[in-house]
Structure formats: C-alpha cells, structure tokens
C-alpha cells in the first residue's frame, strides 16, 4: 500500500461482501444513484465499516483471489453493471466513489490477472471514451 490508502487501488486479495460471509452465496449488490454496483474493497476493515454503517448485517467481507473475483464478476454480470471501489461508509454518504463497468473489469483481470491496477484501468477506459477520469458520487 502507498502512503495514502484512500487512493490505493484494491489488489489481491480482493474483498467482496457476501451473504453470510460465504463466497458460495450471492455477493452484495448496491444501487448508487440509478446504477447497480458490486462493492469491491481494498481491505476487510473498510468493508466491515461500510457493512456496519449501511445496516448490511447479513453480509460479511470475504477475501477473493483474482480468479475468484473474476468468477464472481461473471456470476453477477447479468444483474449488476458496475463495480464500486472502496465505497465509503453511510456516514460519509457525500463522499465520491470510484466506479467502473463490471464486464470491462472482468475482461481486463482475465487478460492480465494480477497485473491490473484498478484505478489505472478505470482512467484508461475513461480516456479511450474521451471522458475525463473522475469519481462518481453517491446520490
């Protein structure tokens, strides 16, 4: 991790909240504004803070390898469109959250496995689309 953990991208192991803390169950899906998102965390502490603040008591953080994250992303791709990276606790609801397309992230991870830096991936995607790379806010 770098000196500013709030801007460090998540890397393996990836933390995703699952119902009952069981990676075989369904992962948590959120609505951020009008977009569906799978929350992805850089560490278990952030994930637990988020879950506690949002009243998601039936969910617990689970560490995933890159391959397990890819499988999870593919599993929910028909229902969830985005990944929310390190969304803040509900008490910080005015904060911005970085989001990217779930399918694009799954493809990039599959192609490069552990070599994908999620923030670099999102910035490159935005640049290719002619958009300024910026975080998206909770609404």
C-alpha atoms as a PDB file:
ATOM      1  CA  UNK A   1       0.000   0.000   0.000  1.00  0.00           C
ATOM      2  CA  UNK A   2       1.121   3.582  -0.605  1.00  0.00           C
ATOM      3  CA  UNK A   3       1.164   6.481   1.765  1.00  0.00           C
ATOM      4  CA  UNK A   4      -2.454   7.449   1.055  1.00  0.00           C
ATOM      5  CA  UNK A   5      -4.514   4.278   1.453  1.00  0.00           C
ATOM      6  CA  UNK A   6      -7.722   6.057   0.417  1.00  0.00           C
ATOM      7  CA  UNK A   7      -6.434   6.318  -3.160  1.00  0.00           C
ATOM      8  CA  UNK A   8      -4.601   2.992  -3.378  1.00  0.00           C
ATOM      9  CA  UNK A   9      -6.429   0.588  -5.670  1.00  0.00           C
ATOM     10  CA  UNK A  10      -7.636  -2.717  -4.324  1.00  0.00           C
ATOM     11  CA  UNK A  11      -5.390  -5.602  -5.195  1.00  0.00           C
ATOM     12  CA  UNK A  12      -5.369  -9.281  -4.409  1.00  0.00           C
ATOM     13  CA  UNK A  13      -6.732 -10.468  -2.169  1.00  0.00           C
ATOM     14  CA  UNK A  14      -9.882  -8.600  -3.151  1.00  0.00           C
ATOM     15  CA  UNK A  15     -12.596  -8.080  -0.524  1.00  0.00           C
ATOM     16  CA  UNK A  16     -16.237  -8.528  -1.543  1.00  0.00           C
ATOM     17  CA  UNK A  17     -19.201  -8.753   0.871  1.00  0.00           C
ATOM     18  CA  UNK A  18     -21.184 -11.989   0.568  1.00  0.00           C
ATOM     19  CA  UNK A  19     -24.390 -13.019   2.263  1.00  0.00           C
ATOM     20  CA  UNK A  20     -23.444 -14.904   5.421  1.00  0.00           C
ATOM     21  CA  UNK A  21     -19.759 -14.397   4.643  1.00  0.00           C
ATOM     22  CA  UNK A  22     -19.956 -17.388   2.267  1.00  0.00           C
ATOM     23  CA  UNK A  23     -18.257 -16.960  -1.116  1.00  0.00           C
ATOM     24  CA  UNK A  24     -20.710 -19.521  -2.498  1.00  0.00           C
ATOM     25  CA  UNK A  25     -23.644 -17.227  -1.677  1.00  0.00           C
ATOM     26  CA  UNK A  26     -24.678 -14.081  -3.513  1.00  0.00           C
ATOM     27  CA  UNK A  27     -22.463 -11.005  -3.168  1.00  0.00           C
ATOM     28  CA  UNK A  28     -23.908  -7.693  -2.039  1.00  0.00           C
ATOM     29  CA  UNK A  29     -25.249  -5.509  -4.856  1.00  0.00           C
ATOM     30  CA  UNK A  30     -25.957  -1.799  -4.368  1.00  0.00           C
ATOM     31  CA  UNK A  31     -27.811   0.966  -6.126  1.00  0.00           C
ATOM     32  CA  UNK A  32     -25.656   4.073  -6.324  1.00  0.00           C
ATOM     33  CA  UNK A  33     -27.804   6.735  -7.863  1.00  0.00           C
ATOM     34  CA  UNK A  34     -29.527   4.791 -10.618  1.00  0.00           C
ATOM     35  CA  UNK A  35     -26.651   2.361 -11.229  1.00  0.00           C
ATOM     36  CA  UNK A  36     -26.215  -1.139  -9.848  1.00  0.00           C
ATOM     37  CA  UNK A  37     -22.798  -1.896  -8.380  1.00  0.00           C
ATOM     38  CA  UNK A  38     -20.839  -4.638  -6.681  1.00  0.00           C
ATOM     39  CA  UNK A  39     -18.756  -3.139  -3.842  1.00  0.00           C
ATOM     40  CA  UNK A  40     -15.057  -4.080  -4.009  1.00  0.00           C
ATOM     41  CA  UNK A  41     -12.777  -3.232  -1.100  1.00  0.00           C
ATOM     42  CA  UNK A  42      -9.037  -2.981  -0.592  1.00  0.00           C
ATOM     43  CA  UNK A  43      -9.202  -4.327   2.952  1.00  0.00           C
ATOM     44  CA  UNK A  44     -11.519  -6.019   5.418  1.00  0.00           C
ATOM     45  CA  UNK A  45     -11.652  -3.059   7.802  1.00  0.00           C
ATOM     46  CA  UNK A  46     -13.132  -0.767   5.144  1.00  0.00           C
ATOM     47  CA  UNK A  47     -15.585  -3.460   4.122  1.00  0.00           C
ATOM     48  CA  UNK A  48     -16.753  -4.037   7.712  1.00  0.00           C
ATOM     49  CA  UNK A  49     -17.146  -0.280   8.318  1.00  0.00           C
ATOM     50  CA  UNK A  50     -19.243   0.003   5.175  1.00  0.00           C
ATOM     51  CA  UNK A  51     -21.400  -3.008   6.017  1.00  0.00           C
ATOM     52  CA  UNK A  52     -21.977  -1.878   9.619  1.00  0.00           C
ATOM     53  CA  UNK A  53     -22.836   1.689   8.632  1.00  0.00           C
ATOM     54  CA  UNK A  54     -25.268   0.574   5.931  1.00  0.00           C
ATOM     55  CA  UNK A  55     -27.109  -1.977   8.047  1.00  0.00           C
ATOM     56  CA  UNK A  56     -25.986  -4.912   5.917  1.00  0.00           C
ATOM     57  CA  UNK A  57     -25.829  -7.265   8.910  1.00  0.00           C
ATOM     58  CA  UNK A  58     -26.445 -10.405   6.844  1.00  0.00           C
ATOM     59  CA  UNK A  59     -23.278  -9.777   4.799  1.00  0.00           C
ATOM     60  CA  UNK A  60     -19.625 -10.242   5.731  1.00  0.00           C
ATOM     61  CA  UNK A  61     -16.399  -9.480   3.856  1.00  0.00           C
ATOM     62  CA  UNK A  62     -14.725 -12.371   2.040  1.00  0.00           C
ATOM     63  CA  UNK A  63     -11.173 -12.351   0.631  1.00  0.00           C
ATOM     64  CA  UNK A  64     -11.029 -13.434  -3.006  1.00  0.00           C
ATOM     65  CA  UNK A  65      -8.150 -14.312  -5.285  1.00  0.00           C
ATOM     66  CA  UNK A  66      -8.077 -12.742  -8.727  1.00  0.00           C
ATOM     67  CA  UNK A  67      -9.587 -15.879 -10.239  1.00  0.00           C
ATOM     68  CA  UNK A  68     -12.376 -15.962  -7.626  1.00  0.00           C
ATOM     69  CA  UNK A  69     -13.104 -12.260  -8.238  1.00  0.00           C
ATOM     70  CA  UNK A  70     -13.375 -12.899 -11.984  1.00  0.00           C
ATOM     71  CA  UNK A  71     -15.796 -15.768 -11.313  1.00  0.00           C
ATOM     72  CA  UNK A  72     -17.871 -13.543  -9.002  1.00  0.00           C
ATOM     73  CA  UNK A  73     -17.979 -10.719 -11.549  1.00  0.00           C
ATOM     74  CA  UNK A  74     -19.093 -13.139 -14.263  1.00  0.00           C
ATOM     75  CA  UNK A  75     -21.740 -14.627 -11.943  1.00  0.00           C
ATOM     76  CA  UNK A  76     -23.461 -11.275 -11.323  1.00  0.00           C
ATOM     77  CA  UNK A  77     -22.848  -9.680 -14.719  1.00  0.00           C
ATOM     78  CA  UNK A  78     -26.456 -10.142 -15.800  1.00  0.00           C
ATOM     79  CA  UNK A  79     -27.803  -8.293 -12.755  1.00  0.00           C
ATOM     80  CA  UNK A  80     -25.044  -5.803 -11.855  1.00  0.00           C
ATOM     81  CA  UNK A  81     -23.423  -3.383 -14.302  1.00  0.00           C
ATOM     82  CA  UNK A  82     -20.696  -1.672 -12.255  1.00  0.00           C
ATOM     83  CA  UNK A  83     -18.050  -2.162  -9.593  1.00  0.00           C
ATOM     84  CA  UNK A  84     -17.821   0.404  -6.767  1.00  0.00           C
ATOM     85  CA  UNK A  85     -14.253   0.580  -5.472  1.00  0.00           C
ATOM     86  CA  UNK A  86     -13.971   1.196  -1.713  1.00  0.00           C
ATOM     87  CA  UNK A  87     -17.365   2.872  -1.284  1.00  0.00           C
ATOM     88  CA  UNK A  88     -17.383   4.972   1.900  1.00  0.00           C
ATOM     89  CA  UNK A  89     -19.461   4.180   4.993  1.00  0.00           C
ATOM     90  CA  UNK A  90     -23.002   5.585   5.082  1.00  0.00           C
ATOM     91  CA  UNK A  91     -21.814   8.281   7.499  1.00  0.00           C
ATOM     92  CA  UNK A  92     -19.705   9.647   4.636  1.00  0.00           C
ATOM     93  CA  UNK A  93     -22.502   9.467   2.049  1.00  0.00           C
ATOM     94  CA  UNK A  94     -21.475  12.798   0.484  1.00  0.00           C
ATOM     95  CA  UNK A  95     -18.118  11.315  -0.471  1.00  0.00           C
ATOM     96  CA  UNK A  96     -17.464  10.227  -4.024  1.00  0.00           C
ATOM     97  CA  UNK A  97     -16.985   6.618  -5.051  1.00  0.00           C
ATOM     98  CA  UNK A  98     -14.933   5.334  -7.952  1.00  0.00           C
ATOM     99  CA  UNK A  99     -16.911   3.120 -10.314  1.00  0.00           C
ATOM    100  CA  UNK A 100     -16.191   1.130 -13.438  1.00  0.00           C
ATOM    101  CA  UNK A 101     -18.015  -1.261 -15.734  1.00  0.00           C
ATOM    102  CA  UNK A 102     -18.128  -4.759 -14.262  1.00  0.00           C
ATOM    103  CA  UNK A 103     -17.702  -6.579 -17.595  1.00  0.00           C
ATOM    104  CA  UNK A 104     -14.726  -4.432 -18.590  1.00  0.00           C
ATOM    105  CA  UNK A 105     -13.001  -5.085 -15.270  1.00  0.00           C
ATOM    106  CA  UNK A 106     -13.648  -8.838 -15.513  1.00  0.00           C
ATOM    107  CA  UNK A 107     -12.196  -8.876 -19.049  1.00  0.00           C
ATOM    108  CA  UNK A 108      -9.121  -6.867 -18.009  1.00  0.00           C
ATOM    109  CA  UNK A 109      -8.492  -9.063 -14.969  1.00  0.00           C
ATOM    110  CA  UNK A 110      -8.899 -12.193 -17.062  1.00  0.00           C
ATOM    111  CA  UNK A 111      -6.425 -10.952 -19.659  1.00  0.00           C
ATOM    112  CA  UNK A 112      -3.774  -9.709 -17.233  1.00  0.00           C
ATOM    113  CA  UNK A 113      -4.685 -11.454 -13.965  1.00  0.00           C
ATOM    114  CA  UNK A 114      -2.741  -9.854 -11.066  1.00  0.00           C
ATOM    115  CA  UNK A 115      -1.154  -7.130 -13.216  1.00  0.00           C
ATOM    116  CA  UNK A 116      -4.266  -4.906 -13.421  1.00  0.00           C
ATOM    117  CA  UNK A 117      -4.216  -1.709 -11.363  1.00  0.00           C
ATOM    118  CA  UNK A 118      -7.915  -0.906 -10.990  1.00  0.00           C
ATOM    119  CA  UNK A 119      -7.504   2.883 -10.938  1.00  0.00           C
ATOM    120  CA  UNK A 120      -5.216   2.799 -13.993  1.00  0.00           C
ATOM    121  CA  UNK A 121      -7.762   0.556 -15.697  1.00  0.00           C
ATOM    122  CA  UNK A 122     -10.624   2.983 -14.996  1.00  0.00           C
ATOM    123  CA  UNK A 123      -8.597   6.028 -16.070  1.00  0.00           C
ATOM    124  CA  UNK A 124      -7.548   4.359 -19.336  1.00  0.00           C
ATOM    125  CA  UNK A 125     -11.138   3.352 -20.065  1.00  0.00           C
ATOM    126  CA  UNK A 126     -12.338   6.918 -19.477  1.00  0.00           C
ATOM    127  CA  UNK A 127      -9.529   8.317 -21.634  1.00  0.00           C
ATOM    128  CA  UNK A 128     -10.375   5.965 -24.518  1.00  0.00           C
ATOM    129  CA  UNK A 129     -14.008   7.058 -24.309  1.00  0.00           C
ATOM    130  CA  UNK A 130     -12.951  10.726 -24.417  1.00  0.00           C
ATOM    131  CA  UNK A 131     -14.118  11.427 -20.881  1.00  0.00           C
ATOM    132  CA  UNK A 132     -12.240  12.976 -18.045  1.00  0.00           C
ATOM    133  CA  UNK A 133     -11.484  10.339 -15.402  1.00  0.00           C
ATOM    134  CA  UNK A 134     -13.439  11.299 -12.323  1.00  0.00           C
ATOM    135  CA  UNK A 135     -15.142   9.615  -9.416  1.00  0.00           C
ATOM    136  CA  UNK A 136     -18.915   9.243  -9.436  1.00  0.00           C
ATOM    137  CA  UNK A 137     -20.920  10.492  -6.475  1.00  0.00           C
ATOM    138  CA  UNK A 138     -23.492   8.773  -4.353  1.00  0.00           C
ATOM    139  CA  UNK A 139     -26.939  10.182  -4.978  1.00  0.00           C
END
